[in-house]
Amino acid sequence: MNERATQLAVAAGFLLLSASGGAARSLTLEPEELAAFVDGIVEPAMTASGVPGAVVTIVGNGQILLARGYGVADVGSGDPVSPATTLFNTASIGKTMTAIVALNLEEQGIVSF
């Protein structure tokens, strides 16, 4: 994964994690509104960074609220990204995201370290 793709993935992760915080809990969007909101962030970010493909999945209350693929999974073949089947190498981002989620859960009093 190149540096720009990593930056996009981290930014998207932080955006989604921040949506799980306080004020966002009371926000209710219809599925079409949520998709339009995410499209408005992801598509311009991909264009600006040159990232060929991405997947965004948003989960709330134990249910998948949005699972959307953007761009292509393989630049050579042009196969589209599928949120159900396309796999991405996330490098070391998983460690950072796991730490952020764990600390977020500790702040909420759900877990204790």
N, C-alpha and C. Protein backbone atom coordinates (compact mmCIF):
# COMPACT_ATOMS: atom_id res chain seq x y z
N MET A 1 0.86 -1.17 0.00
CA MET A 1 0.00 0.00 0.00
C MET A 1 0.90 1.22 0.00
N ASN A 2 0.65 2.15 -0.92
CA ASN A 2 1.49 3.34 -0.95
C ASN A 2 1.11 4.31 0.16
N GLU A 3 1.96 5.32 0.36
CA GLU A 3 1.75 6.25 1.48
C GLU A 3 0.42 7.00 1.37
N ARG A 4 0.04 7.40 0.18
CA ARG A 4 -1.21 8.13 0.01
C ARG A 4 -2.41 7.25 0.31
N ALA A 5 -2.35 5.99 -0.09
CA ALA A 5 -3.44 5.07 0.21
C ALA A 5 -3.54 4.84 1.72
N THR A 6 -2.39 4.73 2.38
CA THR A 6 -2.38 4.56 3.83
C THR A 6 -2.99 5.77 4.51
N GLN A 7 -2.65 6.96 4.05
CA GLN A 7 -3.20 8.18 4.65
C GLN A 7 -4.71 8.22 4.47
N LEU A 8 -5.21 7.83 3.31
CA LEU A 8 -6.65 7.81 3.08
C LEU A 8 -7.32 6.81 4.00
N ALA A 9 -6.73 5.63 4.13
CA ALA A 9 -7.31 4.61 5.00
C ALA A 9 -7.35 5.07 6.45
N VAL A 10 -6.28 5.70 6.91
CA VAL A 10 -6.25 6.19 8.29
C VAL A 10 -7.29 7.29 8.48
N ALA A 11 -7.38 8.21 7.53
CA ALA A 11 -8.36 9.30 7.64
C ALA A 11 -9.78 8.75 7.66
N ALA A 12 -10.06 7.78 6.82
CA ALA A 12 -11.40 7.19 6.81
C ALA A 12 -11.68 6.48 8.12
N GLY A 13 -10.68 5.78 8.65
CA GLY A 13 -10.85 5.10 9.93
C GLY A 13 -11.14 6.07 11.06
N PHE A 14 -10.39 7.18 11.10
CA PHE A 14 -10.62 8.18 12.14
C PHE A 14 -12.00 8.81 11.98
N LEU A 15 -12.42 9.05 10.75
CA LEU A 15 -13.74 9.61 10.51
C LEU A 15 -14.81 8.68 11.06
N LEU A 16 -14.68 7.41 10.77
CA LEU A 16 -15.68 6.46 11.22
C LEU A 16 -15.63 6.27 12.73
N LEU A 17 -14.44 6.26 13.31
CA LEU A 17 -14.35 6.15 14.76
C LEU A 17 -14.94 7.36 15.43
N SER A 18 -14.72 8.53 14.89
CA SER A 18 -15.25 9.74 15.50
C SER A 18 -16.77 9.76 15.41
N ALA A 19 -17.33 9.11 14.43
CA ALA A 19 -18.78 9.05 14.31
C ALA A 19 -19.40 8.21 15.42
N SER A 20 -18.60 7.43 16.14
CA SER A 20 -19.14 6.62 17.23
C SER A 20 -19.17 7.39 18.54
N GLY A 21 -18.67 8.62 18.54
CA GLY A 21 -18.62 9.42 19.76
C GLY A 21 -19.93 10.12 20.07
N GLY A 22 -19.99 10.73 21.23
CA GLY A 22 -21.13 11.39 21.83
C GLY A 22 -22.21 11.95 20.93
N ALA A 23 -22.00 13.12 20.33
CA ALA A 23 -23.05 13.81 19.59
C ALA A 23 -23.54 13.02 18.40
N ALA A 24 -22.67 12.24 17.78
CA ALA A 24 -23.07 11.49 16.59
C ALA A 24 -24.08 10.40 16.93
N ARG A 25 -24.16 9.97 18.17
CA ARG A 25 -25.10 8.92 18.53
C ARG A 25 -26.55 9.33 18.30
N SER A 26 -26.86 10.62 18.45
CA SER A 26 -28.22 11.08 18.29
C SER A 26 -28.56 11.39 16.83
N LEU A 27 -27.57 11.34 15.96
CA LEU A 27 -27.78 11.64 14.55
C LEU A 27 -28.35 10.42 13.85
N THR A 28 -29.45 10.61 13.14
CA THR A 28 -30.06 9.53 12.39
C THR A 28 -30.14 9.93 10.93
N LEU A 29 -29.55 9.11 10.08
CA LEU A 29 -29.60 9.35 8.64
C LEU A 29 -30.31 8.18 7.97
N GLU A 30 -31.08 8.50 6.97
CA GLU A 30 -31.66 7.46 6.14
C GLU A 30 -30.53 6.83 5.34
N PRO A 31 -30.69 5.57 4.90
CA PRO A 31 -29.62 4.90 4.15
C PRO A 31 -29.12 5.70 2.95
N GLU A 32 -30.02 6.35 2.21
CA GLU A 32 -29.61 7.13 1.04
C GLU A 32 -28.79 8.34 1.46
N GLU A 33 -29.16 8.96 2.59
CA GLU A 33 -28.42 10.13 3.09
C GLU A 33 -27.03 9.73 3.56
N LEU A 34 -26.94 8.58 4.24
CA LEU A 34 -25.65 8.09 4.71
C LEU A 34 -24.75 7.79 3.53
N ALA A 35 -25.29 7.12 2.52
CA ALA A 35 -24.50 6.80 1.33
C ALA A 35 -24.02 8.07 0.63
N ALA A 36 -24.89 9.06 0.52
CA ALA A 36 -24.51 10.32 -0.13
C ALA A 36 -23.43 11.04 0.68
N PHE A 37 -23.55 11.01 2.00
CA PHE A 37 -22.56 11.65 2.87
C PHE A 37 -21.19 10.99 2.69
N VAL A 38 -21.16 9.67 2.73
CA VAL A 38 -19.89 8.95 2.58
C VAL A 38 -19.33 9.13 1.18
N ASP A 39 -20.18 9.06 0.16
CA ASP A 39 -19.73 9.29 -1.22
C ASP A 39 -19.06 10.66 -1.34
N GLY A 40 -19.64 11.66 -0.69
CA GLY A 40 -19.11 13.01 -0.76
C GLY A 40 -17.75 13.18 -0.11
N ILE A 41 -17.37 12.24 0.74
CA ILE A 41 -16.05 12.26 1.38
C ILE A 41 -15.07 11.35 0.64
N VAL A 42 -15.49 10.13 0.38
CA VAL A 42 -14.58 9.12 -0.17
C VAL A 42 -14.20 9.42 -1.62
N GLU A 43 -15.17 9.72 -2.46
CA GLU A 43 -14.87 9.90 -3.88
C GLU A 43 -13.89 11.05 -4.14
N PRO A 44 -14.09 12.23 -3.53
CA PRO A 44 -13.09 13.30 -3.73
C PRO A 44 -11.72 12.94 -3.14
N ALA A 45 -11.71 12.25 -2.01
CA ALA A 45 -10.43 11.86 -1.40
C ALA A 45 -9.68 10.88 -2.30
N MET A 46 -10.40 9.96 -2.91
CA MET A 46 -9.76 9.01 -3.82
C MET A 46 -9.21 9.72 -5.04
N THR A 47 -9.97 10.65 -5.57
CA THR A 47 -9.53 11.41 -6.74
C THR A 47 -8.28 12.21 -6.42
N ALA A 48 -8.29 12.89 -5.28
CA ALA A 48 -7.16 13.74 -4.89
C ALA A 48 -5.90 12.92 -4.60
N SER A 49 -6.08 11.71 -4.05
CA SER A 49 -4.92 10.93 -3.64
C SER A 49 -4.47 9.92 -4.68
N GLY A 50 -5.31 9.67 -5.69
CA GLY A 50 -4.95 8.68 -6.70
C GLY A 50 -5.15 7.24 -6.27
N VAL A 51 -5.89 7.03 -5.20
CA VAL A 51 -6.17 5.67 -4.73
C VAL A 51 -7.17 5.03 -5.70
N PRO A 52 -6.85 3.84 -6.23
CA PRO A 52 -7.73 3.24 -7.23
C PRO A 52 -8.98 2.58 -6.66
N GLY A 53 -8.95 2.15 -5.39
CA GLY A 53 -10.11 1.45 -4.85
C GLY A 53 -10.15 1.51 -3.33
N ALA A 54 -11.37 1.43 -2.80
CA ALA A 54 -11.56 1.47 -1.34
C ALA A 54 -12.89 0.82 -0.99
N VAL A 55 -13.01 0.42 0.26
CA VAL A 55 -14.26 -0.10 0.80
C VAL A 55 -14.55 0.66 2.08
N VAL A 56 -15.81 1.05 2.25
CA VAL A 56 -16.25 1.67 3.50
C VAL A 56 -17.41 0.84 4.03
N THR A 57 -17.29 0.42 5.29
CA THR A 57 -18.36 -0.28 5.97
C THR A 57 -18.64 0.44 7.27
N ILE A 58 -19.90 0.77 7.49
CA ILE A 58 -20.31 1.44 8.72
C ILE A 58 -21.27 0.53 9.45
N VAL A 59 -20.97 0.30 10.73
CA VAL A 59 -21.77 -0.57 11.56
C VAL A 59 -22.33 0.23 12.71
N GLY A 60 -23.60 0.06 13.00
CA GLY A 60 -24.22 0.72 14.14
C GLY A 60 -25.23 -0.20 14.79
N ASN A 61 -25.18 -0.26 16.10
CA ASN A 61 -26.10 -1.13 16.86
C ASN A 61 -26.08 -2.58 16.37
N GLY A 62 -24.89 -3.04 16.01
CA GLY A 62 -24.73 -4.43 15.60
C GLY A 62 -25.22 -4.75 14.20
N GLN A 63 -25.58 -3.74 13.42
CA GLN A 63 -26.06 -3.96 12.07
C GLN A 63 -25.20 -3.19 11.07
N ILE A 64 -25.04 -3.76 9.89
CA ILE A 64 -24.32 -3.05 8.83
C ILE A 64 -25.26 -1.99 8.27
N LEU A 65 -24.86 -0.73 8.41
CA LEU A 65 -25.65 0.39 7.92
C LEU A 65 -25.27 0.75 6.49
N LEU A 66 -24.00 0.52 6.15
CA LEU A 66 -23.51 0.83 4.80
C LEU A 66 -22.32 -0.08 4.51
N ALA A 67 -22.32 -0.70 3.36
CA ALA A 67 -21.17 -1.45 2.86
C ALA A 67 -21.05 -1.08 1.39
N ARG A 68 -20.01 -0.32 1.08
CA ARG A 68 -19.92 0.25 -0.26
C ARG A 68 -18.50 0.13 -0.80
N GLY A 69 -18.38 -0.29 -2.05
CA GLY A 69 -17.10 -0.35 -2.72
C GLY A 69 -16.94 0.82 -3.67
N TYR A 70 -15.71 1.32 -3.77
CA TYR A 70 -15.41 2.47 -4.63
C TYR A 70 -14.24 2.11 -5.54
N GLY A 71 -14.33 2.50 -6.80
CA GLY A 71 -13.21 2.33 -7.71
C GLY A 71 -13.00 0.90 -8.15
N VAL A 72 -11.73 0.58 -8.43
CA VAL A 72 -11.39 -0.74 -8.97
C VAL A 72 -10.50 -1.53 -8.01
N ALA A 73 -10.72 -2.83 -8.00
CA ALA A 73 -9.92 -3.73 -7.17
C ALA A 73 -8.60 -4.07 -7.85
N ASP A 74 -8.61 -4.07 -9.17
CA ASP A 74 -7.42 -4.39 -9.96
C ASP A 74 -7.34 -3.40 -11.10
N VAL A 75 -6.33 -2.57 -11.08
CA VAL A 75 -6.20 -1.52 -12.10
C VAL A 75 -6.06 -2.13 -13.49
N GLY A 76 -5.35 -3.23 -13.58
CA GLY A 76 -5.12 -3.87 -14.88
C GLY A 76 -6.39 -4.40 -15.51
N SER A 77 -7.21 -5.09 -14.74
CA SER A 77 -8.42 -5.70 -15.28
C SER A 77 -9.63 -4.78 -15.20
N GLY A 78 -9.57 -3.79 -14.31
CA GLY A 78 -10.70 -2.89 -14.14
C GLY A 78 -11.82 -3.47 -13.32
N ASP A 79 -11.57 -4.62 -12.67
CA ASP A 79 -12.60 -5.23 -11.83
C ASP A 79 -13.02 -4.26 -10.73
N PRO A 80 -14.33 -4.07 -10.54
CA PRO A 80 -14.77 -3.13 -9.51
C PRO A 80 -14.55 -3.67 -8.10
N VAL A 81 -14.42 -2.76 -7.15
CA VAL A 81 -14.29 -3.14 -5.74
C VAL A 81 -15.64 -3.64 -5.26
N SER A 82 -15.63 -4.76 -4.55
CA SER A 82 -16.82 -5.30 -3.93
C SER A 82 -16.62 -5.29 -2.42
N PRO A 83 -17.54 -4.70 -1.65
CA PRO A 83 -17.35 -4.70 -0.20
C PRO A 83 -17.43 -6.10 0.40
N ALA A 84 -18.01 -7.03 -0.32
CA ALA A 84 -18.15 -8.40 0.19
C ALA A 84 -16.95 -9.28 -0.12
N THR A 85 -16.22 -8.98 -1.21
CA THR A 85 -15.18 -9.93 -1.63
C THR A 85 -13.79 -9.35 -1.82
N THR A 86 -13.68 -8.03 -1.97
CA THR A 86 -12.37 -7.43 -2.22
C THR A 86 -11.57 -7.33 -0.93
N LEU A 87 -10.34 -7.83 -0.98
CA LEU A 87 -9.46 -7.77 0.19
C LEU A 87 -8.38 -6.73 -0.05
N PHE A 88 -8.04 -5.98 1.01
CA PHE A 88 -6.99 -4.98 0.92
C PHE A 88 -5.92 -5.29 1.95
N ASN A 89 -4.66 -5.06 1.57
CA ASN A 89 -3.56 -5.18 2.51
C ASN A 89 -3.53 -3.90 3.33
N THR A 90 -3.75 -4.02 4.62
CA THR A 90 -3.83 -2.82 5.48
C THR A 90 -2.51 -2.50 6.17
N ALA A 91 -1.49 -3.29 5.93
CA ALA A 91 -0.17 -3.06 6.54
C ALA A 91 -0.31 -2.99 8.06
N SER A 92 0.26 -1.97 8.68
CA SER A 92 0.25 -1.87 10.14
C SER A 92 -0.86 -0.99 10.68
N ILE A 93 -1.79 -0.58 9.84
CA ILE A 93 -2.88 0.28 10.31
C ILE A 93 -3.73 -0.42 11.37
N GLY A 94 -3.86 -1.72 11.26
CA GLY A 94 -4.70 -2.47 12.20
C GLY A 94 -4.30 -2.26 13.65
N LYS A 95 -3.01 -2.19 13.90
CA LYS A 95 -2.54 -1.99 15.28
C LYS A 95 -2.98 -0.64 15.82
N THR A 96 -2.83 0.39 15.01
CA THR A 96 -3.23 1.74 15.42
C THR A 96 -4.74 1.81 15.64
N MET A 97 -5.50 1.27 14.71
CA MET A 97 -6.95 1.31 14.83
C MET A 97 -7.42 0.52 16.06
N THR A 98 -6.82 -0.63 16.32
CA THR A 98 -7.19 -1.41 17.48
C THR A 98 -6.91 -0.64 18.77
N ALA A 99 -5.77 0.03 18.84
CA ALA A 99 -5.45 0.82 20.02
C ALA A 99 -6.45 1.95 20.22
N ILE A 100 -6.82 2.62 19.13
CA ILE A 100 -7.79 3.72 19.23
C ILE A 100 -9.15 3.21 19.70
N VAL A 101 -9.59 2.10 19.15
CA VAL A 101 -10.88 1.54 19.56
C VAL A 101 -10.83 1.12 21.03
N ALA A 102 -9.74 0.47 21.44
CA ALA A 102 -9.61 0.04 22.83
C ALA A 102 -9.64 1.24 23.78
N LEU A 103 -8.93 2.30 23.44
CA LEU A 103 -8.92 3.50 24.28
C LEU A 103 -10.28 4.19 24.29
N ASN A 104 -10.96 4.16 23.17
CA ASN A 104 -12.31 4.72 23.09
C ASN A 104 -13.25 3.94 24.01
N LEU A 105 -13.15 2.62 23.99
CA LEU A 105 -13.98 1.79 24.86
C LEU A 105 -13.65 2.02 26.34
N GLU A 106 -12.38 2.25 26.64
CA GLU A 106 -12.01 2.53 28.02
C GLU A 106 -12.59 3.88 28.46
N GLU A 107 -12.54 4.88 27.60
CA GLU A 107 -13.13 6.19 27.91
C GLU A 107 -14.61 6.08 28.21
N GLN A 108 -15.29 5.17 27.52
CA GLN A 108 -16.72 4.99 27.71
C GLN A 108 -17.03 4.11 28.91
N GLY A 109 -16.00 3.56 29.55
CA GLY A 109 -16.20 2.71 30.72
C GLY A 109 -16.63 1.30 30.39
N ILE A 110 -16.51 0.91 29.13
CA ILE A 110 -16.92 -0.44 28.71
C ILE A 110 -15.86 -1.48 29.08
N VAL A 111 -14.59 -1.09 28.98
CA VAL A 111 -13.48 -1.96 29.38
C VAL A 111 -12.59 -1.17 30.33
N SER A 112 -11.74 -1.89 31.05
CA SER A 112 -10.80 -1.24 31.94
C SER A 112 -9.44 -1.92 31.78
N PHE A 113 -8.38 -1.10 31.75
CA PHE A 113 -7.02 -1.62 31.61
C PHE A 113 -6.28 -1.46 32.90
